[in-house]
Amino acid sequence: MKLLRTISMLLVVALCSLNILSSTLARYSSEYSGASTALIAKWNFRVGTDAENMHNEVFTFDVFDNKSLSPQARGENSFIVSGGKSDVAIDYEIYMNVEALLADINGDAEGKDYPPLIFYLSSEDSSVHIEEECASWFDLKGIVSDEDGYFLVATGQFASGCEALETITIHWWWNTSYYVGERNPDGSETGNYYAVAKSEYEGLVENYNARAEEANAFFPQHQRI
């Protein structure tokens, strides 16, 4: 018997959602005390914001802590998953849903403009696997989702009887430089787009001035008198 459990969480206030799917295989016993008996294994997969606030039903997760955002604002928020000492091993998947954000914000049918929000996920727990494309800053334009706006961001496992708590953190940033849908060119954790662009521009100007001086010096040396 295969059990499927979905726990919905709200991500990016009302615009995005995060789903956790977990499937397990229940165990059965037979021929007990002369009778055929099926015993459903204890299954207690839970998720919450901290160890004292764990749920095995739907709960709301607000990555922005109900705060208003402004350009260049950034932060992070974490949630916890637990096997809850279940009698069975658990494999789970975490999906992010940004269907509303993938729609063009200016109503352009071609969908070229996106809100300038970027994200990445992290976890210090070795049993949590963050999808490669989600382990560094990613923008909305680079997302490949299903028809409902869902895409896989992380997976994990719990052995049977495990009561460990695994923490997954979502980092967010309203970075206006990502309006064009470009990834962070310097690959840094901060995504310092403007500083990198300014440095590259100054380097080009310096090279231009140097080549111009060489050209100006070259001509007088080779012109006919």
N, C-alpha and C. Protein backbone atom coordinates (compact mmCIF):
# COMPACT_ATOMS: atom_id res chain seq x y z
N MET A 1 0.85 -1.19 0.00
CA MET A 1 0.00 0.00 0.00
C MET A 1 0.88 1.24 0.00
N LYS A 2 0.65 2.12 -0.92
CA LYS A 2 1.48 3.31 -1.04
C LYS A 2 0.71 4.51 -0.51
N LEU A 3 1.33 5.23 0.40
CA LEU A 3 0.72 6.41 0.99
C LEU A 3 1.31 7.65 0.35
N LEU A 4 0.47 8.60 0.04
CA LEU A 4 0.91 9.85 -0.55
C LEU A 4 0.38 10.99 0.29
N ARG A 5 1.25 11.88 0.70
CA ARG A 5 0.84 12.97 1.57
C ARG A 5 1.33 14.28 0.99
N THR A 6 0.47 15.26 0.92
CA THR A 6 0.83 16.58 0.45
C THR A 6 0.61 17.59 1.54
N ILE A 7 1.61 18.39 1.82
CA ILE A 7 1.49 19.46 2.80
C ILE A 7 1.73 20.77 2.07
N SER A 8 0.75 21.64 2.06
CA SER A 8 0.85 22.90 1.33
C SER A 8 1.31 24.00 2.25
N MET A 9 2.20 24.85 1.74
CA MET A 9 2.67 26.00 2.50
C MET A 9 2.64 27.21 1.59
N LEU A 10 2.44 28.36 2.16
CA LEU A 10 2.41 29.59 1.39
C LEU A 10 3.81 30.18 1.33
N LEU A 11 4.27 30.46 0.14
CA LEU A 11 5.59 31.06 -0.07
C LEU A 11 5.41 32.30 -0.91
N VAL A 12 6.10 33.37 -0.54
CA VAL A 12 5.97 34.67 -1.19
C VAL A 12 4.53 35.14 -1.04
N VAL A 13 4.09 35.22 0.18
CA VAL A 13 2.75 35.63 0.59
C VAL A 13 1.73 34.86 -0.23
N ALA A 14 0.87 35.55 -1.00
CA ALA A 14 -0.19 34.87 -1.73
C ALA A 14 0.21 34.50 -3.14
N LEU A 15 1.45 34.79 -3.50
CA LEU A 15 1.83 34.64 -4.90
C LEU A 15 2.48 33.31 -5.21
N CYS A 16 3.16 32.73 -4.24
CA CYS A 16 3.83 31.46 -4.50
C CYS A 16 3.42 30.47 -3.42
N SER A 17 3.54 29.21 -3.72
CA SER A 17 3.27 28.20 -2.71
C SER A 17 4.36 27.15 -2.76
N LEU A 18 4.52 26.46 -1.65
CA LEU A 18 5.54 25.42 -1.56
C LEU A 18 4.84 24.15 -1.13
N ASN A 19 5.02 23.08 -1.84
CA ASN A 19 4.39 21.81 -1.52
C ASN A 19 5.43 20.78 -1.14
N ILE A 20 5.10 19.98 -0.17
CA ILE A 20 5.96 18.87 0.22
C ILE A 20 5.19 17.58 -0.01
N LEU A 21 5.75 16.70 -0.82
CA LEU A 21 5.13 15.42 -1.08
C LEU A 21 5.96 14.34 -0.43
N SER A 22 5.30 13.41 0.22
CA SER A 22 6.01 12.32 0.85
C SER A 22 5.27 11.02 0.59
N SER A 23 5.99 10.00 0.18
CA SER A 23 5.36 8.71 -0.08
C SER A 23 6.07 7.64 0.74
N THR A 24 5.32 6.74 1.30
CA THR A 24 5.89 5.65 2.09
C THR A 24 5.16 4.36 1.77
N LEU A 25 5.75 3.27 2.16
CA LEU A 25 5.15 1.96 1.95
C LEU A 25 4.78 1.39 3.32
N ALA A 26 3.49 1.24 3.57
CA ALA A 26 3.02 0.71 4.86
C ALA A 26 3.31 -0.79 4.94
N ARG A 27 3.61 -1.26 6.14
CA ARG A 27 3.94 -2.67 6.34
C ARG A 27 2.73 -3.42 6.91
N TYR A 28 2.64 -4.68 6.59
CA TYR A 28 1.53 -5.49 7.06
C TYR A 28 2.08 -6.73 7.78
N SER A 29 1.29 -7.26 8.72
CA SER A 29 1.63 -8.54 9.34
C SER A 29 0.52 -9.52 8.99
N SER A 30 0.81 -10.79 9.06
CA SER A 30 -0.21 -11.79 8.72
C SER A 30 -0.14 -12.95 9.70
N GLU A 31 -1.25 -13.74 9.79
CA GLU A 31 -1.33 -14.91 10.64
C GLU A 31 -0.89 -14.60 12.06
N TYR A 32 -1.62 -13.71 12.71
CA TYR A 32 -1.32 -13.37 14.10
C TYR A 32 -2.45 -13.88 14.97
N SER A 33 -2.15 -14.73 15.97
CA SER A 33 -3.12 -15.32 16.89
C SER A 33 -4.22 -16.06 16.13
N GLY A 34 -3.80 -16.74 15.08
CA GLY A 34 -4.76 -17.55 14.36
C GLY A 34 -5.66 -16.76 13.43
N ALA A 35 -5.47 -15.46 13.33
CA ALA A 35 -6.33 -14.64 12.46
C ALA A 35 -5.46 -13.85 11.50
N SER A 36 -6.03 -13.51 10.37
CA SER A 36 -5.32 -12.68 9.40
C SER A 36 -5.56 -11.22 9.76
N THR A 37 -4.47 -10.52 10.09
CA THR A 37 -4.59 -9.14 10.58
C THR A 37 -3.66 -8.23 9.81
N ALA A 38 -4.16 -7.10 9.41
CA ALA A 38 -3.34 -6.09 8.73
C ALA A 38 -3.08 -4.95 9.69
N LEU A 39 -1.81 -4.65 9.90
CA LEU A 39 -1.44 -3.56 10.80
C LEU A 39 -0.83 -2.43 9.97
N ILE A 40 -1.43 -1.25 10.06
CA ILE A 40 -0.89 -0.08 9.37
C ILE A 40 0.24 0.50 10.20
N ALA A 41 1.38 0.70 9.60
CA ALA A 41 2.53 1.24 10.32
C ALA A 41 2.28 2.70 10.71
N LYS A 42 2.88 3.10 11.82
CA LYS A 42 2.80 4.49 12.25
C LYS A 42 3.48 5.37 11.21
N TRP A 43 2.80 6.43 10.82
CA TRP A 43 3.33 7.35 9.82
C TRP A 43 3.10 8.76 10.31
N ASN A 44 4.18 9.48 10.59
CA ASN A 44 4.05 10.77 11.27
C ASN A 44 4.95 11.83 10.65
N PHE A 45 4.96 11.90 9.33
CA PHE A 45 5.75 12.93 8.65
C PHE A 45 5.19 14.31 9.01
N ARG A 46 6.08 15.21 9.46
CA ARG A 46 5.62 16.51 9.93
C ARG A 46 6.47 17.63 9.36
N VAL A 47 5.90 18.81 9.35
CA VAL A 47 6.61 19.99 8.86
C VAL A 47 6.14 21.20 9.66
N GLY A 48 7.03 22.15 9.88
CA GLY A 48 6.66 23.33 10.66
C GLY A 48 7.75 24.38 10.63
N THR A 49 7.53 25.43 11.38
CA THR A 49 8.49 26.54 11.42
C THR A 49 9.53 26.37 12.51
N ASP A 50 9.24 25.55 13.53
CA ASP A 50 10.21 25.25 14.58
C ASP A 50 9.79 23.97 15.27
N ALA A 51 10.63 23.47 16.18
CA ALA A 51 10.39 22.18 16.82
C ALA A 51 9.10 22.16 17.63
N GLU A 52 8.65 23.32 18.09
CA GLU A 52 7.44 23.40 18.90
C GLU A 52 6.20 23.67 18.06
N ASN A 53 6.38 23.80 16.75
CA ASN A 53 5.26 24.15 15.89
C ASN A 53 5.29 23.27 14.64
N MET A 54 5.07 21.96 14.87
CA MET A 54 5.11 20.98 13.79
C MET A 54 3.70 20.50 13.47
N HIS A 55 3.46 20.22 12.19
CA HIS A 55 2.13 19.84 11.74
C HIS A 55 2.22 18.65 10.79
N ASN A 56 1.21 17.80 10.83
CA ASN A 56 1.07 16.77 9.80
C ASN A 56 -0.15 17.04 8.94
N GLU A 57 -0.66 18.27 9.03
CA GLU A 57 -1.74 18.73 8.17
C GLU A 57 -1.26 20.00 7.46
N VAL A 58 -2.12 20.59 6.64
CA VAL A 58 -1.77 21.80 5.90
C VAL A 58 -1.46 22.94 6.87
N PHE A 59 -0.40 23.69 6.59
CA PHE A 59 -0.11 24.87 7.39
C PHE A 59 0.45 25.96 6.47
N THR A 60 0.42 27.20 6.95
CA THR A 60 0.85 28.34 6.15
C THR A 60 2.28 28.73 6.49
N PHE A 61 3.08 28.93 5.46
CA PHE A 61 4.48 29.34 5.64
C PHE A 61 4.70 30.63 4.87
N ASP A 62 4.98 31.71 5.57
CA ASP A 62 5.19 33.02 4.95
C ASP A 62 6.68 33.33 4.96
N VAL A 63 7.29 33.25 3.80
CA VAL A 63 8.74 33.43 3.73
C VAL A 63 9.16 34.85 4.07
N PHE A 64 8.24 35.82 3.93
CA PHE A 64 8.58 37.21 4.20
C PHE A 64 8.18 37.67 5.61
N ASP A 65 7.69 36.74 6.45
CA ASP A 65 7.27 37.09 7.81
C ASP A 65 6.26 38.24 7.81
N ASN A 66 5.40 38.26 6.81
CA ASN A 66 4.32 39.24 6.73
C ASN A 66 4.83 40.68 6.72
N LYS A 67 6.01 40.90 6.14
CA LYS A 67 6.58 42.24 6.07
C LYS A 67 6.44 42.79 4.65
N SER A 68 6.32 44.12 4.57
CA SER A 68 6.28 44.78 3.27
C SER A 68 7.68 44.78 2.67
N LEU A 69 7.75 44.65 1.36
CA LEU A 69 9.03 44.61 0.68
C LEU A 69 9.29 45.90 -0.08
N SER A 70 10.55 46.21 -0.25
CA SER A 70 10.96 47.37 -1.03
C SER A 70 12.14 46.95 -1.90
N PRO A 71 12.43 47.68 -2.98
CA PRO A 71 13.55 47.31 -3.85
C PRO A 71 14.85 47.13 -3.08
N GLN A 72 15.58 46.08 -3.41
CA GLN A 72 16.85 45.68 -2.80
C GLN A 72 16.70 45.08 -1.40
N ALA A 73 15.47 44.94 -0.91
CA ALA A 73 15.27 44.24 0.37
C ALA A 73 15.62 42.77 0.18
N ARG A 74 16.14 42.15 1.22
CA ARG A 74 16.51 40.74 1.15
C ARG A 74 16.38 40.11 2.52
N GLY A 75 16.30 38.79 2.56
CA GLY A 75 16.18 38.08 3.82
C GLY A 75 16.11 36.59 3.60
N GLU A 76 15.73 35.87 4.63
CA GLU A 76 15.63 34.42 4.55
C GLU A 76 14.62 33.93 5.58
N ASN A 77 14.11 32.74 5.37
CA ASN A 77 13.19 32.13 6.31
C ASN A 77 13.34 30.62 6.19
N SER A 78 13.11 29.92 7.29
CA SER A 78 13.36 28.48 7.33
C SER A 78 12.12 27.71 7.76
N PHE A 79 12.04 26.47 7.32
CA PHE A 79 11.03 25.55 7.81
C PHE A 79 11.72 24.22 8.12
N ILE A 80 11.04 23.38 8.89
CA ILE A 80 11.62 22.13 9.38
C ILE A 80 10.75 20.96 8.94
N VAL A 81 11.38 19.87 8.55
CA VAL A 81 10.66 18.64 8.25
C VAL A 81 11.17 17.55 9.19
N SER A 82 10.31 16.60 9.51
CA SER A 82 10.67 15.54 10.45
C SER A 82 9.94 14.26 10.10
N GLY A 83 10.64 13.14 10.29
CA GLY A 83 10.01 11.84 10.10
C GLY A 83 9.11 11.46 11.26
N GLY A 84 9.24 12.14 12.39
CA GLY A 84 8.35 11.92 13.53
C GLY A 84 8.37 10.52 14.10
N LYS A 85 9.54 9.84 14.03
CA LYS A 85 9.68 8.47 14.54
C LYS A 85 8.70 7.51 13.87
N SER A 86 8.46 7.72 12.59
CA SER A 86 7.55 6.84 11.86
C SER A 86 8.11 5.42 11.79
N ASP A 87 7.22 4.45 11.66
CA ASP A 87 7.64 3.05 11.57
C ASP A 87 8.18 2.70 10.19
N VAL A 88 8.03 3.60 9.26
CA VAL A 88 8.47 3.34 7.89
C VAL A 88 9.47 4.40 7.46
N ALA A 89 10.30 4.05 6.49
CA ALA A 89 11.20 5.04 5.91
C ALA A 89 10.39 6.00 5.03
N ILE A 90 10.85 7.22 4.94
CA ILE A 90 10.11 8.25 4.21
C ILE A 90 11.03 8.94 3.21
N ASP A 91 10.59 9.04 1.98
CA ASP A 91 11.22 9.88 0.97
C ASP A 91 10.27 11.04 0.70
N TYR A 92 10.79 12.24 0.65
CA TYR A 92 9.91 13.38 0.40
C TYR A 92 10.50 14.29 -0.67
N GLU A 93 9.62 15.03 -1.31
CA GLU A 93 10.01 15.99 -2.33
C GLU A 93 9.39 17.35 -2.00
N ILE A 94 10.12 18.40 -2.29
CA ILE A 94 9.63 19.75 -2.04
C ILE A 94 9.51 20.48 -3.37
N TYR A 95 8.33 20.99 -3.63
CA TYR A 95 8.06 21.72 -4.86
C TYR A 95 7.74 23.17 -4.55
N MET A 96 8.18 24.04 -5.41
CA MET A 96 7.86 25.46 -5.30
C MET A 96 6.88 25.80 -6.41
N ASN A 97 5.92 26.65 -6.09
CA ASN A 97 4.93 27.07 -7.08
C ASN A 97 4.95 28.58 -7.20
N VAL A 98 5.27 29.07 -8.38
CA VAL A 98 5.30 30.51 -8.62
C VAL A 98 4.46 30.85 -9.86
N GLU A 99 3.36 30.14 -10.00
CA GLU A 99 2.52 30.32 -11.19
C GLU A 99 2.12 31.78 -11.38
N ALA A 100 1.70 32.43 -10.29
CA ALA A 100 1.26 33.82 -10.41
C ALA A 100 2.40 34.74 -10.80
N LEU A 101 3.60 34.44 -10.32
CA LEU A 101 4.74 35.30 -10.62
C LEU A 101 5.28 35.10 -12.02
N LEU A 102 4.98 33.95 -12.62
CA LEU A 102 5.48 33.69 -13.96
C LEU A 102 4.68 34.43 -15.02
N ALA A 103 3.50 34.92 -14.64
CA ALA A 103 2.71 35.72 -15.57
C ALA A 103 3.37 37.08 -15.75
N ASP A 104 3.29 37.63 -16.93
CA ASP A 104 3.90 38.92 -17.20
C ASP A 104 3.23 40.00 -16.36
N ILE A 105 4.03 40.78 -15.62
CA ILE A 105 3.46 41.75 -14.69
C ILE A 105 2.87 42.96 -15.39
N ASN A 106 3.23 43.18 -16.65
CA ASN A 106 2.70 44.31 -17.39
C ASN A 106 1.60 43.91 -18.37
N GLY A 107 1.17 42.67 -18.30
CA GLY A 107 0.11 42.21 -19.17
C GLY A 107 0.55 41.92 -20.59
N ASP A 108 1.83 41.86 -20.83
CA ASP A 108 2.35 41.57 -22.16
C ASP A 108 2.17 40.09 -22.46
N ALA A 109 1.53 39.81 -23.55
CA ALA A 109 1.24 38.41 -23.89
C ALA A 109 2.50 37.60 -24.08
N GLU A 110 3.59 38.25 -24.46
CA GLU A 110 4.84 37.52 -24.67
C GLU A 110 5.53 37.16 -23.37
N GLY A 111 5.12 37.78 -22.26
CA GLY A 111 5.67 37.43 -20.96
C GLY A 111 7.14 37.70 -20.82
N LYS A 112 7.58 38.91 -21.13
CA LYS A 112 9.00 39.23 -21.08
C LYS A 112 9.44 39.87 -19.77
N ASP A 113 8.50 40.40 -19.01
CA ASP A 113 8.85 41.09 -17.78
C ASP A 113 8.40 40.29 -16.57
N TYR A 114 9.27 40.18 -15.56
CA TYR A 114 8.96 39.41 -14.37
C TYR A 114 9.31 40.23 -13.13
N PRO A 115 8.61 39.98 -12.01
CA PRO A 115 8.99 40.66 -10.77
C PRO A 115 10.45 40.36 -10.45
N PRO A 116 11.19 41.34 -9.96
CA PRO A 116 12.65 41.18 -9.75
C PRO A 116 12.99 40.43 -8.47
N LEU A 117 12.35 39.29 -8.23
CA LEU A 117 12.64 38.49 -7.04
C LEU A 117 13.54 37.33 -7.43
N ILE A 118 14.58 37.10 -6.64
CA ILE A 118 15.45 35.96 -6.85
C ILE A 118 15.51 35.16 -5.55
N PHE A 119 15.81 33.86 -5.67
CA PHE A 119 15.78 32.95 -4.53
C PHE A 119 16.93 31.96 -4.62
N TYR A 120 17.27 31.35 -3.49
CA TYR A 120 18.01 30.10 -3.49
C TYR A 120 17.71 29.37 -2.19
N LEU A 121 17.88 28.05 -2.17
CA LEU A 121 17.61 27.22 -1.00
C LEU A 121 18.91 26.65 -0.47
N SER A 122 18.95 26.42 0.84
CA SER A 122 20.13 25.84 1.47
C SER A 122 19.71 24.97 2.64
N SER A 123 20.58 24.04 3.00
CA SER A 123 20.36 23.19 4.18
C SER A 123 21.69 22.64 4.63
N GLU A 124 21.90 22.59 5.94
CA GLU A 124 23.12 22.03 6.50
C GLU A 124 22.98 20.54 6.79
N ASP A 125 21.79 19.99 6.55
CA ASP A 125 21.55 18.58 6.81
C ASP A 125 21.95 17.76 5.59
N SER A 126 22.80 16.76 5.81
CA SER A 126 23.36 15.99 4.70
C SER A 126 22.32 15.17 3.95
N SER A 127 21.21 14.83 4.61
CA SER A 127 20.19 14.01 3.96
C SER A 127 19.26 14.84 3.08
N VAL A 128 19.40 16.16 3.13
CA VAL A 128 18.59 17.04 2.28
C VAL A 128 19.38 17.35 1.01
N HIS A 129 18.76 17.12 -0.11
CA HIS A 129 19.41 17.42 -1.40
C HIS A 129 18.69 18.59 -2.06
N ILE A 130 19.40 19.70 -2.21
CA ILE A 130 18.86 20.86 -2.92
C ILE A 130 19.16 20.69 -4.41
N GLU A 131 18.16 20.84 -5.25
CA GLU A 131 18.38 20.75 -6.69
C GLU A 131 19.45 21.75 -7.12
N GLU A 132 20.31 21.32 -8.03
CA GLU A 132 21.48 22.11 -8.41
C GLU A 132 21.11 23.53 -8.83
N GLU A 133 20.06 23.67 -9.63
CA GLU A 133 19.70 25.00 -10.13
C GLU A 133 19.08 25.88 -9.06
N CYS A 134 18.74 25.28 -7.90
CA CYS A 134 18.13 26.05 -6.81
C CYS A 134 19.10 26.31 -5.66
N ALA A 135 20.33 25.80 -5.78
CA ALA A 135 21.33 25.96 -4.72
C ALA A 135 22.08 27.27 -4.83
N SER A 136 21.85 28.02 -5.89
CA SER A 136 22.41 29.37 -6.04
C SER A 136 21.29 30.27 -6.54
N TRP A 137 21.55 31.56 -6.53
CA TRP A 137 20.49 32.50 -6.90
C TRP A 137 19.87 32.14 -8.26
N PHE A 138 18.54 32.05 -8.29
CA PHE A 138 17.85 31.86 -9.56
C PHE A 138 16.72 32.86 -9.66
N ASP A 139 16.45 33.30 -10.88
CA ASP A 139 15.37 34.25 -11.11
C ASP A 139 14.16 33.53 -11.69
N LEU A 140 13.08 34.25 -11.82
CA LEU A 140 11.83 33.64 -12.25
C LEU A 140 11.85 33.28 -13.73
N LYS A 141 12.60 34.04 -14.51
CA LYS A 141 12.61 33.78 -15.94
C LYS A 141 13.33 32.48 -16.27
N GLY A 142 14.23 32.05 -15.40
CA GLY A 142 14.99 30.84 -15.66
C GLY A 142 14.29 29.57 -15.20
N ILE A 143 13.08 29.69 -14.66
CA ILE A 143 12.38 28.54 -14.12
C ILE A 143 11.72 27.71 -15.22
N VAL A 144 11.85 26.39 -15.13
CA VAL A 144 11.12 25.47 -15.99
C VAL A 144 10.15 24.71 -15.10
N SER A 145 8.87 25.03 -15.19
CA SER A 145 7.87 24.44 -14.31
C SER A 145 6.87 23.63 -15.12
N ASP A 146 6.02 22.88 -14.41
CA ASP A 146 4.97 22.15 -15.10
C ASP A 146 3.82 23.10 -15.43
N GLU A 147 2.76 22.58 -15.99
CA GLU A 147 1.66 23.43 -16.45
C GLU A 147 0.96 24.15 -15.31
N ASP A 148 1.13 23.67 -14.08
CA ASP A 148 0.51 24.31 -12.92
C ASP A 148 1.47 25.24 -12.18
N GLY A 149 2.68 25.39 -12.69
CA GLY A 149 3.64 26.30 -12.07
C GLY A 149 4.53 25.68 -11.02
N TYR A 150 4.52 24.34 -10.89
CA TYR A 150 5.35 23.66 -9.88
C TYR A 150 6.69 23.23 -10.47
N PHE A 151 7.74 23.32 -9.65
CA PHE A 151 9.03 22.77 -10.04
C PHE A 151 9.74 22.27 -8.79
N LEU A 152 10.50 21.18 -8.95
CA LEU A 152 11.17 20.53 -7.83
C LEU A 152 12.35 21.36 -7.35
N VAL A 153 12.44 21.58 -6.03
CA VAL A 153 13.55 22.36 -5.48
C VAL A 153 14.42 21.55 -4.52
N ALA A 154 13.86 20.48 -3.90
CA ALA A 154 14.65 19.71 -2.93
C ALA A 154 14.01 18.35 -2.69
N THR A 155 14.82 17.40 -2.25
CA THR A 155 14.35 16.08 -1.85
C THR A 155 15.06 15.68 -0.56
N GLY A 156 14.55 14.66 0.10
CA GLY A 156 15.18 14.19 1.33
C GLY A 156 14.66 12.83 1.74
N GLN A 157 15.29 12.25 2.75
CA GLN A 157 14.91 10.93 3.24
C GLN A 157 14.97 10.88 4.76
N PHE A 158 14.11 10.05 5.33
CA PHE A 158 14.18 9.71 6.75
C PHE A 158 14.16 8.20 6.88
N ALA A 159 15.07 7.64 7.67
CA ALA A 159 15.04 6.21 7.96
C ALA A 159 13.88 5.93 8.92
N SER A 160 13.43 4.70 8.96
CA SER A 160 12.35 4.35 9.88
C SER A 160 12.80 4.61 11.32
N GLY A 161 11.92 5.16 12.12
CA GLY A 161 12.22 5.46 13.51
C GLY A 161 12.99 6.75 13.71
N CYS A 162 13.32 7.44 12.64
CA CYS A 162 14.11 8.67 12.76
C CYS A 162 13.25 9.81 13.33
N GLU A 163 13.79 10.52 14.31
CA GLU A 163 13.09 11.65 14.88
C GLU A 163 13.85 12.96 14.66
N ALA A 164 14.85 12.93 13.78
CA ALA A 164 15.65 14.12 13.51
C ALA A 164 14.81 15.21 12.85
N LEU A 165 15.23 16.44 13.07
CA LEU A 165 14.60 17.59 12.43
C LEU A 165 15.55 18.12 11.36
N GLU A 166 15.07 18.29 10.16
CA GLU A 166 15.89 18.80 9.07
C GLU A 166 15.41 20.19 8.69
N THR A 167 16.33 21.13 8.63
CA THR A 167 15.99 22.52 8.36
C THR A 167 16.36 22.90 6.93
N ILE A 168 15.42 23.53 6.25
CA ILE A 168 15.63 24.02 4.90
C ILE A 168 15.35 25.52 4.90
N THR A 169 16.28 26.29 4.36
CA THR A 169 16.16 27.75 4.37
C THR A 169 15.95 28.28 2.96
N ILE A 170 15.02 29.20 2.84
CA ILE A 170 14.76 29.88 1.57
C ILE A 170 15.30 31.30 1.68
N HIS A 171 16.22 31.65 0.81
CA HIS A 171 16.79 32.99 0.77
C HIS A 171 16.12 33.76 -0.35
N TRP A 172 15.78 35.00 -0.11
CA TRP A 172 15.11 35.80 -1.14
C TRP A 172 15.75 37.18 -1.23
N TRP A 173 15.56 37.80 -2.38
CA TRP A 173 16.13 39.13 -2.61
C TRP A 173 15.34 39.83 -3.71
N TRP A 174 14.89 41.03 -3.41
CA TRP A 174 14.28 41.87 -4.44
C TRP A 174 15.42 42.64 -5.10
N ASN A 175 16.00 42.04 -6.12
CA ASN A 175 17.17 42.61 -6.79
C ASN A 175 16.75 43.12 -8.16
N THR A 176 16.63 44.42 -8.29
CA THR A 176 16.10 44.99 -9.52
C THR A 176 16.99 44.72 -10.72
N SER A 177 18.25 44.39 -10.50
CA SER A 177 19.12 44.10 -11.64
C SER A 177 18.71 42.82 -12.35
N TYR A 178 17.88 42.01 -11.69
CA TYR A 178 17.45 40.76 -12.31
C TYR A 178 16.13 40.91 -13.07
N TYR A 179 15.69 42.13 -13.26
CA TYR A 179 14.48 42.35 -14.02
C TYR A 179 14.60 41.78 -15.43
N VAL A 180 15.80 41.79 -15.98
CA VAL A 180 16.02 41.29 -17.33
C VAL A 180 16.13 39.77 -17.36
N GLY A 181 16.08 39.14 -16.19
CA GLY A 181 16.13 37.69 -16.13
C GLY A 181 17.51 37.10 -16.25
N GLU A 182 18.56 37.87 -15.95
CA GLU A 182 19.92 37.35 -16.02
C GLU A 182 20.38 36.84 -14.66
N ARG A 183 21.12 35.75 -14.68
CA ARG A 183 21.69 35.23 -13.44
C ARG A 183 22.84 36.12 -12.98
N ASN A 184 23.20 35.98 -11.73
CA ASN A 184 24.29 36.76 -11.17
C ASN A 184 25.59 36.46 -11.92
N PRO A 185 26.17 37.44 -12.61
CA PRO A 185 27.34 37.16 -13.45
C PRO A 185 28.61 36.82 -12.69
N ASP A 186 28.75 37.27 -11.44
CA ASP A 186 30.00 36.99 -10.72
C ASP A 186 29.90 35.73 -9.87
N GLY A 187 28.73 35.12 -9.82
CA GLY A 187 28.57 33.87 -9.10
C GLY A 187 28.67 33.99 -7.60
N SER A 188 28.69 35.20 -7.06
CA SER A 188 28.83 35.36 -5.62
C SER A 188 27.50 35.14 -4.92
N GLU A 189 27.57 34.94 -3.63
CA GLU A 189 26.37 34.71 -2.85
C GLU A 189 25.50 35.96 -2.78
N THR A 190 26.13 37.12 -2.85
CA THR A 190 25.39 38.37 -2.73
C THR A 190 24.79 38.83 -4.05
N GLY A 191 25.26 38.32 -5.16
CA GLY A 191 24.72 38.74 -6.43
C GLY A 191 24.94 40.21 -6.69
N ASN A 192 26.19 40.68 -6.53
CA ASN A 192 26.49 42.11 -6.60
C ASN A 192 26.59 42.56 -8.06
N TYR A 193 25.45 42.61 -8.73
CA TYR A 193 25.40 42.87 -10.16
C TYR A 193 25.95 44.25 -10.51
N TYR A 194 25.51 45.28 -9.79
CA TYR A 194 25.88 46.64 -10.14
C TYR A 194 27.39 46.87 -9.99
N ALA A 195 27.98 46.38 -8.92
CA ALA A 195 29.42 46.57 -8.71
C ALA A 195 30.22 45.88 -9.81
N VAL A 196 29.78 44.68 -10.20
CA VAL A 196 30.47 43.96 -11.26
C VAL A 196 30.35 44.70 -12.58
N ALA A 197 29.13 45.16 -12.90
CA ALA A 197 28.92 45.88 -14.15
C ALA A 197 29.75 47.16 -14.19
N LYS A 198 29.81 47.89 -13.08
CA LYS A 198 30.58 49.13 -13.02
C LYS A 198 32.07 48.84 -13.22
N SER A 199 32.56 47.77 -12.58
CA SER A 199 33.97 47.41 -12.72
C SER A 199 34.30 47.04 -14.16
N GLU A 200 33.40 46.27 -14.80
CA GLU A 200 33.63 45.88 -16.19
C GLU A 200 33.62 47.10 -17.10
N TYR A 201 32.70 48.03 -16.84
CA TYR A 201 32.62 49.25 -17.66
C TYR A 201 33.90 50.08 -17.53
N GLU A 202 34.36 50.25 -16.29
CA GLU A 202 35.58 51.03 -16.08
C GLU A 202 36.77 50.36 -16.76
N GLY A 203 36.80 49.03 -16.77
CA GLY A 203 37.88 48.32 -17.44
C GLY A 203 37.85 48.55 -18.95
N LEU A 204 36.64 48.55 -19.53
CA LEU A 204 36.50 48.80 -20.96
C LEU A 204 36.94 50.22 -21.31
N VAL A 205 36.55 51.19 -20.47
CA VAL A 205 36.95 52.58 -20.71
C VAL A 205 38.46 52.72 -20.64
N GLU A 206 39.07 52.07 -19.65
CA GLU A 206 40.53 52.13 -19.50
C GLU A 206 41.23 51.53 -20.72
N ASN A 207 40.72 50.40 -21.20
CA ASN A 207 41.30 49.78 -22.40
C ASN A 207 41.12 50.67 -23.62
N TYR A 208 39.95 51.29 -23.71
CA TYR A 208 39.67 52.18 -24.85
C TYR A 208 40.65 53.36 -24.86
N ASN A 209 40.83 53.97 -23.71
CA ASN A 209 41.74 55.12 -23.63
C ASN A 209 43.18 54.72 -23.98
N ALA A 210 43.58 53.53 -23.51
CA ALA A 210 44.94 53.06 -23.80
C ALA A 210 45.13 52.82 -25.29
N ARG A 211 44.14 52.18 -25.94
CA ARG A 211 44.23 51.93 -27.38
C ARG A 211 44.21 53.24 -28.17
N ALA A 212 43.41 54.22 -27.70
CA ALA A 212 43.35 55.51 -28.39
C ALA A 212 44.70 56.22 -28.32
N GLU A 213 45.36 56.14 -27.17
CA GLU A 213 46.68 56.76 -27.04
C GLU A 213 47.69 56.08 -27.96
N GLU A 214 47.62 54.77 -28.06
CA GLU A 214 48.53 54.04 -28.95
C GLU A 214 48.29 54.43 -30.40
N ALA A 215 47.03 54.57 -30.78
CA ALA A 215 46.71 54.94 -32.16
C ALA A 215 47.20 56.35 -32.47
N ASN A 216 47.01 57.26 -31.53
CA ASN A 216 47.45 58.64 -31.74
C ASN A 216 48.97 58.74 -31.85
N ALA A 217 49.66 57.87 -31.10
CA ALA A 217 51.13 57.88 -31.15
C ALA A 217 51.64 57.19 -32.41
N PHE A 218 50.89 56.22 -32.89
CA PHE A 218 51.32 55.45 -34.05
C PHE A 218 51.31 56.29 -35.33
N PHE A 219 50.28 57.07 -35.53
CA PHE A 219 50.13 57.81 -36.79
C PHE A 219 51.27 58.79 -37.06
N PRO A 220 51.64 59.64 -36.10
CA PRO A 220 52.75 60.57 -36.38
C PRO A 220 54.06 59.87 -36.72
N GLN A 221 54.26 58.68 -36.15
CA GLN A 221 55.51 57.97 -36.39
C GLN A 221 55.57 57.36 -37.79
N HIS A 222 54.44 57.19 -38.45
CA HIS A 222 54.42 56.50 -39.73
C HIS A 222 53.86 57.34 -40.87
N GLN A 223 53.51 58.57 -40.62
CA GLN A 223 52.99 59.39 -41.71
C GLN A 223 54.12 59.90 -42.60
N ARG A 224 53.82 60.17 -43.85
CA ARG A 224 54.81 60.73 -44.78
C ARG A 224 54.97 62.22 -44.51
N ILE A 225 56.17 62.69 -44.55
CA ILE A 225 56.44 64.12 -44.35
C ILE A 225 56.57 64.80 -45.72
